[in-house]
């Protein structure tokens, strides 16, 4: 597979930014929902950690989809 890409390939820059933005948004929404529901929210670092975890999963899904798309083109 000559079109096999790595996670650091230039084609993955846009998906990386998208997954980071939406992952952090999901982390802050998770902490905001706990604050609304329970009255006392968790700390900001926990929201960042959860957001980065969500971003990593989103990036992995986008990477897998792009790899499969490139493999199907051959």
C-alpha atoms as a PDB file:
ATOM      1  CA  UNK A   1       0.000   0.000   0.000  1.00  0.00           C
ATOM      2  CA  UNK A   2       1.832   3.048  -1.199  1.00  0.00           C
ATOM      3  CA  UNK A   3      -1.009   5.339  -0.043  1.00  0.00           C
ATOM      4  CA  UNK A   4      -0.857   4.112   3.545  1.00  0.00           C
ATOM      5  CA  UNK A   5      -0.878   7.149   5.826  1.00  0.00           C
ATOM      6  CA  UNK A   6       0.424   7.711   9.321  1.00  0.00           C
ATOM      7  CA  UNK A   7      -1.387   9.669  12.040  1.00  0.00           C
ATOM      8  CA  UNK A   8       1.098  12.515  11.462  1.00  0.00           C
ATOM      9  CA  UNK A   9       0.462  12.734   7.716  1.00  0.00           C
ATOM     10  CA  UNK A  10      -0.428  16.228   6.387  1.00  0.00           C
ATOM     11  CA  UNK A  11      -3.870  14.931   5.337  1.00  0.00           C
ATOM     12  CA  UNK A  12      -4.637  14.352   9.017  1.00  0.00           C
ATOM     13  CA  UNK A  13      -4.123  17.973  10.100  1.00  0.00           C
ATOM     14  CA  UNK A  14      -7.698  19.082   9.473  1.00  0.00           C
ATOM     15  CA  UNK A  15      -9.249  16.006  11.171  1.00  0.00           C
ATOM     16  CA  UNK A  16      -6.880  16.560  14.120  1.00  0.00           C
ATOM     17  CA  UNK A  17      -8.075  20.133  14.609  1.00  0.00           C
ATOM     18  CA  UNK A  18     -11.720  19.121  14.212  1.00  0.00           C
ATOM     19  CA  UNK A  19     -11.411  16.275  16.701  1.00  0.00           C
ATOM     20  CA  UNK A  20      -9.592  18.489  19.205  1.00  0.00           C
ATOM     21  CA  UNK A  21     -12.242  21.214  19.055  1.00  0.00           C
ATOM     22  CA  UNK A  22     -15.197  18.850  19.282  1.00  0.00           C
ATOM     23  CA  UNK A  23     -13.500  16.659  21.906  1.00  0.00           C
ATOM     24  CA  UNK A  24     -12.841  19.608  24.198  1.00  0.00           C
ATOM     25  CA  UNK A  25     -16.393  20.818  23.629  1.00  0.00           C
ATOM     26  CA  UNK A  26     -17.678  17.398  24.684  1.00  0.00           C
ATOM     27  CA  UNK A  27     -15.515  17.485  27.809  1.00  0.00           C
ATOM     28  CA  UNK A  28     -16.820  20.892  28.838  1.00  0.00           C
ATOM     29  CA  UNK A  29     -20.394  19.847  28.084  1.00  0.00           C
ATOM     30  CA  UNK A  30     -19.960  16.788  30.296  1.00  0.00           C
ATOM     31  CA  UNK A  31     -18.765  18.948  33.192  1.00  0.00           C
ATOM     32  CA  UNK A  32     -21.477  21.540  32.548  1.00  0.00           C
ATOM     33  CA  UNK A  33     -24.170  18.862  32.608  1.00  0.00           C
ATOM     34  CA  UNK A  34     -22.921  17.647  35.987  1.00  0.00           C
ATOM     35  CA  UNK A  35     -22.921  21.204  37.293  1.00  0.00           C
ATOM     36  CA  UNK A  36     -26.524  21.752  36.164  1.00  0.00           C
ATOM     37  CA  UNK A  37     -27.744  18.394  37.451  1.00  0.00           C
ATOM     38  CA  UNK A  38     -25.967  18.219  40.794  1.00  0.00           C
ATOM     39  CA  UNK A  39     -25.359  21.834  41.660  1.00  0.00           C
ATOM     40  CA  UNK A  40     -21.632  21.440  42.220  1.00  0.00           C
ATOM     41  CA  UNK A  41     -19.455  20.864  39.212  1.00  0.00           C
ATOM     42  CA  UNK A  42     -16.144  19.112  38.827  1.00  0.00           C
ATOM     43  CA  UNK A  43     -12.934  20.975  38.283  1.00  0.00           C
ATOM     44  CA  UNK A  44     -11.697  22.450  35.015  1.00  0.00           C
ATOM     45  CA  UNK A  45      -8.726  20.042  34.681  1.00  0.00           C
ATOM     46  CA  UNK A  46     -11.114  17.088  34.691  1.00  0.00           C
ATOM     47  CA  UNK A  47     -13.070  18.681  31.849  1.00  0.00           C
ATOM     48  CA  UNK A  48      -9.845  19.123  29.875  1.00  0.00           C
ATOM     49  CA  UNK A  49      -8.781  15.512  30.505  1.00  0.00           C
ATOM     50  CA  UNK A  50     -12.174  14.179  29.418  1.00  0.00           C
ATOM     51  CA  UNK A  51     -12.111  16.457  26.384  1.00  0.00           C
ATOM     52  CA  UNK A  52      -8.677  15.243  25.322  1.00  0.00           C
ATOM     53  CA  UNK A  53      -9.796  11.651  25.760  1.00  0.00           C
ATOM     54  CA  UNK A  54     -12.826  12.297  23.563  1.00  0.00           C
ATOM     55  CA  UNK A  55     -10.592  14.049  21.015  1.00  0.00           C
ATOM     56  CA  UNK A  56      -8.277  11.038  20.889  1.00  0.00           C
ATOM     57  CA  UNK A  57     -11.194   8.720  20.161  1.00  0.00           C
ATOM     58  CA  UNK A  58     -12.575  11.066  17.504  1.00  0.00           C
ATOM     59  CA  UNK A  59      -9.157  11.320  15.861  1.00  0.00           C
ATOM     60  CA  UNK A  60      -8.832   7.543  15.851  1.00  0.00           C
ATOM     61  CA  UNK A  61     -12.182   7.159  14.145  1.00  0.00           C
ATOM     62  CA  UNK A  62     -11.323   9.777  11.517  1.00  0.00           C
ATOM     63  CA  UNK A  63      -7.925   8.134  10.908  1.00  0.00           C
ATOM     64  CA  UNK A  64      -9.510   4.698  10.481  1.00  0.00           C
ATOM     65  CA  UNK A  65     -12.110   6.039   8.066  1.00  0.00           C
ATOM     66  CA  UNK A  66      -9.531   7.856   5.935  1.00  0.00           C
ATOM     67  CA  UNK A  67      -7.271   4.768   5.874  1.00  0.00           C
ATOM     68  CA  UNK A  68     -10.162   2.570   4.751  1.00  0.00           C
ATOM     69  CA  UNK A  69     -11.147   5.124   2.132  1.00  0.00           C
ATOM     70  CA  UNK A  70      -7.619   5.155   0.708  1.00  0.00           C
ATOM     71  CA  UNK A  71      -7.449   1.351   0.787  1.00  0.00           C
ATOM     72  CA  UNK A  72     -10.742   1.091  -1.119  1.00  0.00           C
ATOM     73  CA  UNK A  73      -9.439   3.373  -3.865  1.00  0.00           C
ATOM     74  CA  UNK A  74      -6.670   0.904  -4.798  1.00  0.00           C
END
